[in-house]
Amino acid sequence: LFADAGCVGELRTIPNSSKPYVTDNGNYIIDLYFERDMGDLDKASD
C-alpha cells in the first residue's frame, strides 16, 4: 500500500524471542516503517 513512501514492515515479536507479540485483544501487530511522507492520512487510513 505504501511502496511510494519507501515502506517496510515486520511482525512484532516478544523482546528476545521469535514468538509473536500478542495484544490484549489476542491479535498480532505489524510494524510499518516509512522513508518518506505517506501523504493524505485519511486516504492512508481508509
All heavy atoms as atom14 arrays in JSON, in Angstrom:
{
  "sequence": "LFADAGCVGELRTIPNSSKPYVTDNGNYIIDLYFERDMGDLDKASD",
  "atom14_mask": [
    [1, 1, 1, 1, 1, 1, 1, 1, 0, 0, 0, 0, 0, 0],
    [1, 1, 1, 1, 1, 1, 1, 1, 1, 1, 1, 0, 0, 0],
    [1, 1, 1, 1, 1, 0, 0, 0, 0, 0, 0, 0, 0, 0],
    [1, 1, 1, 1, 1, 1, 1, 1, 0, 0, 0, 0, 0, 0],
    [1, 1, 1, 1, 1, 0, 0, 0, 0, 0, 0, 0, 0, 0],
    [1, 1, 1, 1, 0, 0, 0, 0, 0, 0, 0, 0, 0, 0],
    [1, 1, 1, 1, 1, 1, 0, 0, 0, 0, 0, 0, 0, 0],
    [1, 1, 1, 1, 1, 1, 1, 0, 0, 0, 0, 0, 0, 0],
    [1, 1, 1, 1, 0, 0, 0, 0, 0, 0, 0, 0, 0, 0],
    [1, 1, 1, 1, 1, 1, 1, 1, 1, 0, 0, 0, 0, 0],
    [1, 1, 1, 1, 1, 1, 1, 1, 0, 0, 0, 0, 0, 0],
    [1, 1, 1, 1, 1, 1, 1, 1, 1, 1, 1, 0, 0, 0],
    [1, 1, 1, 1, 1, 1, 1, 0, 0, 0, 0, 0, 0, 0],
    [1, 1, 1, 1, 1, 1, 1, 1, 0, 0, 0, 0, 0, 0],
    [1, 1, 1, 1, 1, 1, 1, 0, 0, 0, 0, 0, 0, 0],
    [1, 1, 1, 1, 1, 1, 1, 1, 0, 0, 0, 0, 0, 0],
    [1, 1, 1, 1, 1, 1, 0, 0, 0, 0, 0, 0, 0, 0],
    [1, 1, 1, 1, 1, 1, 0, 0, 0, 0, 0, 0, 0, 0],
    [1, 1, 1, 1, 1, 1, 1, 1, 1, 0, 0, 0, 0, 0],
    [1, 1, 1, 1, 1, 1, 1, 0, 0, 0, 0, 0, 0, 0],
    [1, 1, 1, 1, 1, 1, 1, 1, 1, 1, 1, 1, 0, 0],
    [1, 1, 1, 1, 1, 1, 1, 0, 0, 0, 0, 0, 0, 0],
    [1, 1, 1, 1, 1, 1, 1, 0, 0, 0, 0, 0, 0, 0],
    [1, 1, 1, 1, 1, 1, 1, 1, 0, 0, 0, 0, 0, 0],
    [1, 1, 1, 1, 1, 1, 1, 1, 0, 0, 0, 0, 0, 0],
    [1, 1, 1, 1, 0, 0, 0, 0, 0, 0, 0, 0, 0, 0],
    [1, 1, 1, 1, 1, 1, 1, 1, 0, 0, 0, 0, 0, 0],
    [1, 1, 1, 1, 1, 1, 1, 1, 1, 1, 1, 1, 0, 0],
    [1, 1, 1, 1, 1, 1, 1, 1, 0, 0, 0, 0, 0, 0],
    [1, 1, 1, 1, 1, 1, 1, 1, 0, 0, 0, 0, 0, 0],
    [1, 1, 1, 1, 1, 1, 1, 1, 0, 0, 0, 0, 0, 0],
    [1, 1, 1, 1, 1, 1, 1, 1, 0, 0, 0, 0, 0, 0],
    [1, 1, 1, 1, 1, 1, 1, 1, 1, 1, 1, 1, 0, 0],
    [1, 1, 1, 1, 1, 1, 1, 1, 1, 1, 1, 0, 0, 0],
    [1, 1, 1, 1, 1, 1, 1, 1, 1, 0, 0, 0, 0, 0],
    [1, 1, 1, 1, 1, 1, 1, 1, 1, 1, 1, 0, 0, 0],
    [1, 1, 1, 1, 1, 1, 1, 1, 0, 0, 0, 0, 0, 0],
    [1, 1, 1, 1, 1, 1, 1, 1, 0, 0, 0, 0, 0, 0],
    [1, 1, 1, 1, 0, 0, 0, 0, 0, 0, 0, 0, 0, 0],
    [1, 1, 1, 1, 1, 1, 1, 1, 0, 0, 0, 0, 0, 0],
    [1, 1, 1, 1, 1, 1, 1, 1, 0, 0, 0, 0, 0, 0],
    [1, 1, 1, 1, 1, 1, 1, 1, 0, 0, 0, 0, 0, 0],
    [1, 1, 1, 1, 1, 1, 1, 1, 1, 0, 0, 0, 0, 0],
    [1, 1, 1, 1, 1, 0, 0, 0, 0, 0, 0, 0, 0, 0],
    [1, 1, 1, 1, 1, 1, 0, 0, 0, 0, 0, 0, 0, 0],
    [1, 1, 1, 1, 1, 1, 1, 1, 0, 0, 0, 0, 0, 0]
  ],
  "atom14_positions": [
    [[0.82, -1.21, 0.0], [0.0, 0.0, 0.0], [0.86, 1.27, 0.0], [0.49, 2.28, -0.58], [-0.91, 0.04, 1.24], [-2.16, -0.82, 1.24], [-2.88, -0.66, 2.58], [-3.1, -0.44, 0.1], [0.0, 0.0, 0.0], [0.0, 0.0, 0.0], [0.0, 0.0, 0.0], [0.0, 0.0, 0.0], [0.0, 0.0, 0.0], [0.0, 0.0, 0.0]],
    [[2.0, 1.19, 0.68], [2.8, 2.39, 0.9], [4.18, 2.28, 0.27], [5.16, 2.83, 0.77], [2.91, 2.67, 2.4], [1.58, 2.81, 3.08], [1.1, 1.81, 3.92], [0.78, 3.92, 2.85], [-0.14, 1.93, 4.54], [-0.46, 4.05, 3.46], [-0.93, 3.06, 4.3], [0.0, 0.0, 0.0], [0.0, 0.0, 0.0], [0.0, 0.0, 0.0]],
    [[4.24, 1.58, -0.85], [5.52, 1.42, -1.55], [6.12, 2.76, -1.94], [7.34, 2.95, -1.88], [5.34, 0.53, -2.78], [0.0, 0.0, 0.0], [0.0, 0.0, 0.0], [0.0, 0.0, 0.0], [0.0, 0.0, 0.0], [0.0, 0.0, 0.0], [0.0, 0.0, 0.0], [0.0, 0.0, 0.0], [0.0, 0.0, 0.0], [0.0, 0.0, 0.0]],
    [[5.28, 3.71, -2.32], [5.77, 5.03, -2.73], [6.43, 5.79, -1.59], [7.21, 6.71, -1.83], [4.64, 5.87, -3.31], [4.15, 5.36, -4.67], [4.88, 4.55, -5.28], [3.05, 5.75, -5.09], [0.0, 0.0, 0.0], [0.0, 0.0, 0.0], [0.0, 0.0, 0.0], [0.0, 0.0, 0.0], [0.0, 0.0, 0.0], [0.0, 0.0, 0.0]],
    [[6.11, 5.41, -0.36], [6.7, 6.07, 0.81], [7.91, 5.3, 1.33], [8.42, 5.58, 2.41], [5.66, 6.22, 1.92], [0.0, 0.0, 0.0], [0.0, 0.0, 0.0], [0.0, 0.0, 0.0], [0.0, 0.0, 0.0], [0.0, 0.0, 0.0], [0.0, 0.0, 0.0], [0.0, 0.0, 0.0], [0.0, 0.0, 0.0], [0.0, 0.0, 0.0]],
    [[8.37, 4.3, 0.56], [9.53, 3.52, 0.97], [9.25, 2.67, 2.19], [10.1, 2.53, 3.08], [0.0, 0.0, 0.0], [0.0, 0.0, 0.0], [0.0, 0.0, 0.0], [0.0, 0.0, 0.0], [0.0, 0.0, 0.0], [0.0, 0.0, 0.0], [0.0, 0.0, 0.0], [0.0, 0.0, 0.0], [0.0, 0.0, 0.0], [0.0, 0.0, 0.0]],
    [[8.06, 2.08, 2.24], [7.61, 1.35, 3.42], [8.24, -0.04, 3.49], [8.34, -0.75, 2.5], [6.09, 1.24, 3.41], [5.39, 0.35, 4.81], [0.0, 0.0, 0.0], [0.0, 0.0, 0.0], [0.0, 0.0, 0.0], [0.0, 0.0, 0.0], [0.0, 0.0, 0.0], [0.0, 0.0, 0.0], [0.0, 0.0, 0.0], [0.0, 0.0, 0.0]],
    [[8.64, -0.41, 4.69], [8.99, -1.8, 5.01], [8.22, -2.17, 6.26], [7.76, -1.31, 7.02], [10.51, -1.98, 5.24], [11.29, -1.69, 3.98], [10.99, -1.11, 6.4], [0.0, 0.0, 0.0], [0.0, 0.0, 0.0], [0.0, 0.0, 0.0], [0.0, 0.0, 0.0], [0.0, 0.0, 0.0], [0.0, 0.0, 0.0], [0.0, 0.0, 0.0]],
    [[8.04, -3.48, 6.48], [7.26, -3.91, 7.63], [7.8, -5.18, 8.23], [8.57, -5.91, 7.59], [0.0, 0.0, 0.0], [0.0, 0.0, 0.0], [0.0, 0.0, 0.0], [0.0, 0.0, 0.0], [0.0, 0.0, 0.0], [0.0, 0.0, 0.0], [0.0, 0.0, 0.0], [0.0, 0.0, 0.0], [0.0, 0.0, 0.0], [0.0, 0.0, 0.0]],
    [[7.39, -5.44, 9.45], [7.78, -6.66, 10.13], [6.74, -7.02, 11.19], [6.02, -6.15, 11.7], [9.15, -6.52, 10.78], [9.22, -5.46, 11.88], [10.61, -5.31, 12.47], [11.54, -5.97, 11.96], [10.75, -4.56, 13.45], [0.0, 0.0, 0.0], [0.0, 0.0, 0.0], [0.0, 0.0, 0.0], [0.0, 0.0, 0.0], [0.0, 0.0, 0.0]],
    [[6.68, -8.29, 11.51], [5.82, -8.74, 12.59], [6.48, -8.39, 13.91], [7.68, -8.65, 14.11], [5.62, -10.26, 12.5], [4.77, -10.89, 13.62], [3.31, -10.47, 13.49], [4.91, -12.4, 13.59], [0.0, 0.0, 0.0], [0.0, 0.0, 0.0], [0.0, 0.0, 0.0], [0.0, 0.0, 0.0], [0.0, 0.0, 0.0], [0.0, 0.0, 0.0]],
    [[5.72, -7.81, 14.83], [6.27, -7.52, 16.14], [6.39, -8.82, 16.94], [5.46, -9.62, 16.97], [5.39, -6.53, 16.91], [5.98, -6.13, 18.27], [5.13, -5.11, 18.99], [4.99, -3.88, 18.23], [4.39, -2.78, 18.71], [3.86, -2.79, 19.93], [4.29, -1.7, 17.95], [0.0, 0.0, 0.0], [0.0, 0.0, 0.0], [0.0, 0.0, 0.0]],
    [[7.54, -9.0, 17.55], [7.78, -10.18, 18.37], [8.06, -9.77, 19.8], [8.38, -8.61, 20.09], [8.95, -11.02, 17.83], [10.13, -10.19, 17.77], [8.64, -11.56, 16.44], [0.0, 0.0, 0.0], [0.0, 0.0, 0.0], [0.0, 0.0, 0.0], [0.0, 0.0, 0.0], [0.0, 0.0, 0.0], [0.0, 0.0, 0.0], [0.0, 0.0, 0.0]],
    [[7.94, -10.74, 20.7], [8.28, -10.51, 22.1], [9.78, -10.26, 22.18], [10.57, -10.97, 21.54], [7.88, -11.72, 22.95], [6.37, -11.94, 22.88], [8.33, -11.55, 24.4], [5.91, -13.24, 23.51], [0.0, 0.0, 0.0], [0.0, 0.0, 0.0], [0.0, 0.0, 0.0], [0.0, 0.0, 0.0], [0.0, 0.0, 0.0], [0.0, 0.0, 0.0]],
    [[10.22, -9.26, 22.95], [11.66, -8.99, 23.06], [12.46, -10.24, 23.42], [12.05, -11.03, 24.27], [11.74, -7.93, 24.17], [10.42, -7.22, 24.08], [9.42, -8.28, 23.72], [0.0, 0.0, 0.0], [0.0, 0.0, 0.0], [0.0, 0.0, 0.0], [0.0, 0.0, 0.0], [0.0, 0.0, 0.0], [0.0, 0.0, 0.0], [0.0, 0.0, 0.0]],
    [[13.58, -10.41, 22.73], [14.48, -11.54, 22.95], [13.81, -12.88, 22.68], [14.11, -13.9, 23.31], [15.03, -11.53, 24.39], [15.75, -10.24, 24.72], [16.55, -9.75, 23.93], [15.46, -9.68, 25.89], [0.0, 0.0, 0.0], [0.0, 0.0, 0.0], [0.0, 0.0, 0.0], [0.0, 0.0, 0.0], [0.0, 0.0, 0.0], [0.0, 0.0, 0.0]],
    [[12.87, -12.86, 21.73], [12.14, -14.07, 21.38], [11.68, -13.97, 19.95], [11.56, -12.88, 19.39], [10.93, -14.26, 22.3], [10.08, -15.29, 21.84], [0.0, 0.0, 0.0], [0.0, 0.0, 0.0], [0.0, 0.0, 0.0], [0.0, 0.0, 0.0], [0.0, 0.0, 0.0], [0.0, 0.0, 0.0], [0.0, 0.0, 0.0], [0.0, 0.0, 0.0]],
    [[11.43, -15.13, 19.33], [10.87, -15.14, 17.98], [9.35, -15.28, 18.01], [8.71, -15.3, 16.96], [11.47, -16.29, 17.17], [11.2, -17.54, 17.8], [0.0, 0.0, 0.0], [0.0, 0.0, 0.0], [0.0, 0.0, 0.0], [0.0, 0.0, 0.0], [0.0, 0.0, 0.0], [0.0, 0.0, 0.0], [0.0, 0.0, 0.0], [0.0, 0.0, 0.0]],
    [[8.77, -15.35, 19.21], [7.33, -15.52, 19.34], [6.61, -14.2, 19.07], [7.06, -13.14, 19.49], [6.98, -16.01, 20.74], [7.51, -17.4, 21.07], [7.1, -17.83, 22.47], [7.6, -19.23, 22.79], [7.22, -19.66, 24.16], [0.0, 0.0, 0.0], [0.0, 0.0, 0.0], [0.0, 0.0, 0.0], [0.0, 0.0, 0.0], [0.0, 0.0, 0.0]],
    [[5.49, -14.24, 18.34], [4.75, -13.01, 18.06], [4.26, -12.33, 19.33], [3.85, -13.0, 20.28], [3.56, -13.5, 17.21], [3.98, -14.82, 16.66], [4.87, -15.43, 17.71], [0.0, 0.0, 0.0], [0.0, 0.0, 0.0], [0.0, 0.0, 0.0], [0.0, 0.0, 0.0], [0.0, 0.0, 0.0], [0.0, 0.0, 0.0], [0.0, 0.0, 0.0]],
    [[4.34, -11.0, 19.32], [3.71, -10.22, 20.38], [2.2, -10.32, 20.2], [1.68, -10.17, 19.09], [4.16, -8.76, 20.29], [3.44, -7.83, 21.23], [3.91, -7.59, 22.51], [2.25, -7.19, 20.84], [3.24, -6.74, 23.38], [1.59, -6.34, 21.7], [2.08, -6.12, 22.97], [1.41, -5.28, 23.83], [0.0, 0.0, 0.0], [0.0, 0.0, 0.0]],
    [[1.47, -10.55, 21.29], [0.02, -10.68, 21.24], [-0.61, -9.54, 22.03], [-0.26, -9.31, 23.2], [-0.44, -12.04, 21.8], [-1.96, -12.15, 21.75], [0.2, -13.19, 21.02], [0.0, 0.0, 0.0], [0.0, 0.0, 0.0], [0.0, 0.0, 0.0], [0.0, 0.0, 0.0], [0.0, 0.0, 0.0], [0.0, 0.0, 0.0], [0.0, 0.0, 0.0]],
    [[-1.53, -8.82, 21.42], [-2.18, -7.7, 22.08], [-3.17, -8.18, 23.13], [-3.48, -9.37, 23.23], [-2.94, -6.82, 21.06], [-4.1, -7.55, 20.59], [-2.06, -6.46, 19.88], [0.0, 0.0, 0.0], [0.0, 0.0, 0.0], [0.0, 0.0, 0.0], [0.0, 0.0, 0.0], [0.0, 0.0, 0.0], [0.0, 0.0, 0.0], [0.0, 0.0, 0.0]],
    [[-3.7, -7.24, 23.91], [-4.73, -7.56, 24.89], [-5.96, -8.18, 24.24], [-6.76, -8.85, 24.91], [-5.16, -6.29, 25.65], [-4.11, -5.79, 26.62], [-3.19, -6.57, 26.95], [-4.2, -4.63, 27.05], [0.0, 0.0, 0.0], [0.0, 0.0, 0.0], [0.0, 0.0, 0.0], [0.0, 0.0, 0.0], [0.0, 0.0, 0.0], [0.0, 0.0, 0.0]],
    [[-6.11, -7.96, 22.94], [-7.27, -8.46, 22.21], [-7.0, -9.78, 21.49], [-7.85, -10.26, 20.73], [-7.73, -7.4, 21.19], [-7.73, -6.02, 21.78], [-8.43, -5.76, 22.75], [-6.93, -5.12, 21.23], [0.0, 0.0, 0.0], [0.0, 0.0, 0.0], [0.0, 0.0, 0.0], [0.0, 0.0, 0.0], [0.0, 0.0, 0.0], [0.0, 0.0, 0.0]],
    [[-5.81, -10.35, 21.7], [-5.47, -11.63, 21.08], [-5.0, -11.52, 19.65], [-4.97, -12.52, 18.92], [0.0, 0.0, 0.0], [0.0, 0.0, 0.0], [0.0, 0.0, 0.0], [0.0, 0.0, 0.0], [0.0, 0.0, 0.0], [0.0, 0.0, 0.0], [0.0, 0.0, 0.0], [0.0, 0.0, 0.0], [0.0, 0.0, 0.0], [0.0, 0.0, 0.0]],
    [[-4.61, -10.32, 19.22], [-4.17, -10.11, 17.85], [-2.67, -9.91, 17.75], [-1.97, -9.79, 18.77], [-4.89, -8.89, 17.26], [-6.39, -9.09, 17.15], [-6.85, -10.15, 16.72], [-7.17, -8.1, 17.56], [0.0, 0.0, 0.0], [0.0, 0.0, 0.0], [0.0, 0.0, 0.0], [0.0, 0.0, 0.0], [0.0, 0.0, 0.0], [0.0, 0.0, 0.0]],
    [[-2.16, -9.84, 16.51], [-0.75, -9.54, 16.26], [-0.61, -8.08, 15.84], [-1.6, -7.4, 15.53], [-0.21, -10.44, 15.14], [-0.06, -11.89, 15.49], [0.31, -12.82, 14.5], [-0.29, -12.38, 16.78], [0.46, -14.16, 14.78], [-0.15, -13.73, 17.08], [0.21, -14.62, 16.08], [0.35, -15.95, 16.35], [0.0, 0.0, 0.0], [0.0, 0.0, 0.0]],
    [[0.63, -7.6, 15.8], [0.91, -6.26, 15.33], [1.96, -6.31, 14.23], [3.01, -6.94, 14.38], [1.4, -5.34, 16.48], [0.23, -5.0, 17.41], [2.02, -4.05, 15.92], [0.6, -4.09, 18.55], [0.0, 0.0, 0.0], [0.0, 0.0, 0.0], [0.0, 0.0, 0.0], [0.0, 0.0, 0.0], [0.0, 0.0, 0.0], [0.0, 0.0, 0.0]],
    [[1.65, -5.65, 13.11], [2.6, -5.41, 12.03], [3.14, -4.0, 12.22], [2.37, -3.04, 12.3], [1.94, -5.53, 10.65], [1.33, -6.92, 10.45], [2.95, -5.2, 9.55], [2.31, -8.07, 10.48], [0.0, 0.0, 0.0], [0.0, 0.0, 0.0], [0.0, 0.0, 0.0], [0.0, 0.0, 0.0], [0.0, 0.0, 0.0], [0.0, 0.0, 0.0]],
    [[4.45, -3.86, 12.32], [5.08, -2.55, 12.44], [5.56, -2.08, 11.07], [6.34, -2.78, 10.41], [6.25, -2.59, 13.42], [5.79, -2.66, 14.87], [4.85, -1.93, 15.22], [6.38, -3.44, 15.65], [0.0, 0.0, 0.0], [0.0, 0.0, 0.0], [0.0, 0.0, 0.0], [0.0, 0.0, 0.0], [0.0, 0.0, 0.0], [0.0, 0.0, 0.0]],
    [[5.07, -0.91, 10.65], [5.45, -0.33, 9.37], [6.44, 0.82, 9.6], [6.3, 1.6, 10.55], [4.23, 0.2, 8.63], [3.12, -0.81, 8.33], [1.97, -0.13, 7.59], [3.66, -1.99, 7.52], [0.0, 0.0, 0.0], [0.0, 0.0, 0.0], [0.0, 0.0, 0.0], [0.0, 0.0, 0.0], [0.0, 0.0, 0.0], [0.0, 0.0, 0.0]],
    [[7.41, 0.93, 8.7], [8.43, 1.98, 8.77], [8.44, 2.71, 7.43], [8.37, 2.08, 6.37], [9.81, 1.38, 9.04], [9.9, 0.6, 10.33], [9.46, -0.72, 10.39], [10.43, 1.18, 11.48], [9.55, -1.45, 11.56], [10.52, 0.46, 12.66], [10.07, -0.86, 12.69], [10.15, -1.58, 13.87], [0.0, 0.0, 0.0], [0.0, 0.0, 0.0]],
    [[8.56, 4.04, 7.49], [8.45, 4.85, 6.28], [9.7, 5.68, 6.07], [10.19, 6.34, 7.0], [7.23, 5.79, 6.38], [5.93, 5.07, 6.57], [5.45, 4.79, 7.85], [5.19, 4.64, 5.48], [4.25, 4.12, 8.03], [4.0, 3.97, 5.65], [3.53, 3.7, 6.93], [0.0, 0.0, 0.0], [0.0, 0.0, 0.0], [0.0, 0.0, 0.0]],
    [[10.19, 5.67, 4.83], [11.31, 6.54, 4.47], [10.84, 7.94, 4.12], [11.59, 8.9, 4.28], [12.07, 5.96, 3.27], [12.83, 4.68, 3.58], [13.63, 4.2, 2.38], [13.54, 4.86, 1.31], [14.32, 3.18, 2.5], [0.0, 0.0, 0.0], [0.0, 0.0, 0.0], [0.0, 0.0, 0.0], [0.0, 0.0, 0.0], [0.0, 0.0, 0.0]],
    [[9.59, 8.03, 3.64], [9.06, 9.32, 3.19], [7.63, 9.5, 3.7], [6.98, 8.54, 4.15], [9.09, 9.39, 1.65], [10.49, 9.34, 1.06], [10.47, 9.32, -0.45], [9.94, 8.08, -0.99], [10.65, 6.96, -1.12], [11.91, 6.91, -0.75], [10.1, 5.86, -1.63], [0.0, 0.0, 0.0], [0.0, 0.0, 0.0], [0.0, 0.0, 0.0]],
    [[7.14, 10.72, 3.58], [5.77, 11.06, 3.97], [4.78, 10.22, 3.16], [4.88, 10.14, 1.93], [5.55, 12.55, 3.71], [4.24, 13.07, 4.29], [3.36, 12.26, 4.64], [4.11, 14.3, 4.38], [0.0, 0.0, 0.0], [0.0, 0.0, 0.0], [0.0, 0.0, 0.0], [0.0, 0.0, 0.0], [0.0, 0.0, 0.0], [0.0, 0.0, 0.0]],
    [[3.82, 9.6, 3.85], [2.83, 8.77, 3.15], [1.73, 9.6, 2.5], [0.9, 9.07, 1.76], [2.22, 7.75, 4.11], [1.27, 8.33, 5.13], [0.61, 7.08, 6.27], [2.0, 6.83, 7.36], [0.0, 0.0, 0.0], [0.0, 0.0, 0.0], [0.0, 0.0, 0.0], [0.0, 0.0, 0.0], [0.0, 0.0, 0.0], [0.0, 0.0, 0.0]],
    [[1.69, 10.9, 2.78], [0.7, 11.77, 2.13], [-0.58, 11.89, 2.92], [-0.55, 11.99, 4.15], [0.0, 0.0, 0.0], [0.0, 0.0, 0.0], [0.0, 0.0, 0.0], [0.0, 0.0, 0.0], [0.0, 0.0, 0.0], [0.0, 0.0, 0.0], [0.0, 0.0, 0.0], [0.0, 0.0, 0.0], [0.0, 0.0, 0.0], [0.0, 0.0, 0.0]],
    [[-1.7, 11.9, 2.22], [-3.02, 12.11, 2.83], [-3.31, 11.01, 3.86], [-3.44, 9.83, 3.51], [-4.08, 12.11, 1.74], [-5.45, 12.52, 2.25], [-5.95, 11.9, 3.21], [-6.03, 13.46, 1.68], [0.0, 0.0, 0.0], [0.0, 0.0, 0.0], [0.0, 0.0, 0.0], [0.0, 0.0, 0.0], [0.0, 0.0, 0.0], [0.0, 0.0, 0.0]],
    [[-3.43, 11.41, 5.12], [-3.6, 10.42, 6.18], [-4.97, 9.76, 6.15], [-5.11, 8.58, 6.48], [-3.36, 11.07, 7.54], [-1.96, 11.62, 7.79], [-1.86, 12.2, 9.2], [-0.89, 10.56, 7.58], [0.0, 0.0, 0.0], [0.0, 0.0, 0.0], [0.0, 0.0, 0.0], [0.0, 0.0, 0.0], [0.0, 0.0, 0.0], [0.0, 0.0, 0.0]],
    [[-5.99, 10.52, 5.79], [-7.33, 9.93, 5.7], [-7.37, 8.84, 4.63], [-7.97, 7.78, 4.84], [-8.37, 11.01, 5.4], [-8.63, 11.92, 6.59], [-8.55, 11.43, 7.74], [-8.91, 13.11, 6.39], [0.0, 0.0, 0.0], [0.0, 0.0, 0.0], [0.0, 0.0, 0.0], [0.0, 0.0, 0.0], [0.0, 0.0, 0.0], [0.0, 0.0, 0.0]],
    [[-6.74, 9.1, 3.5], [-6.7, 8.09, 2.45], [-5.88, 6.88, 2.89], [-6.24, 5.73, 2.6], [-6.11, 8.69, 1.16], [-7.02, 9.71, 0.48], [-6.4, 10.21, -0.81], [-7.32, 11.21, -1.51], [-6.71, 11.74, -2.77], [0.0, 0.0, 0.0], [0.0, 0.0, 0.0], [0.0, 0.0, 0.0], [0.0, 0.0, 0.0], [0.0, 0.0, 0.0]],
    [[-4.78, 7.13, 3.59], [-3.96, 6.03, 4.1], [-4.75, 5.18, 5.08], [-4.7, 3.95, 5.04], [-2.7, 6.58, 4.76], [0.0, 0.0, 0.0], [0.0, 0.0, 0.0], [0.0, 0.0, 0.0], [0.0, 0.0, 0.0], [0.0, 0.0, 0.0], [0.0, 0.0, 0.0], [0.0, 0.0, 0.0], [0.0, 0.0, 0.0], [0.0, 0.0, 0.0]],
    [[-5.5, 5.84, 5.95], [-6.33, 5.13, 6.93], [-7.38, 4.28, 6.24], [-7.56, 3.1, 6.55], [-7.0, 6.14, 7.87], [-7.92, 5.51, 8.72], [0.0, 0.0, 0.0], [0.0, 0.0, 0.0], [0.0, 0.0, 0.0], [0.0, 0.0, 0.0], [0.0, 0.0, 0.0], [0.0, 0.0, 0.0], [0.0, 0.0, 0.0], [0.0, 0.0, 0.0]],
    [[-8.07, 4.87, 5.28], [-9.11, 4.13, 4.56], [-8.54, 2.92, 3.83], [-9.15, 1.85, 3.81], [-9.81, 5.05, 3.55], [-10.66, 6.13, 4.22], [-10.97, 5.96, 5.42], [-11.01, 7.11, 3.55], [0.0, 0.0, 0.0], [0.0, 0.0, 0.0], [0.0, 0.0, 0.0], [0.0, 0.0, 0.0], [0.0, 0.0, 0.0], [0.0, 0.0, 0.0]]
  ]
}
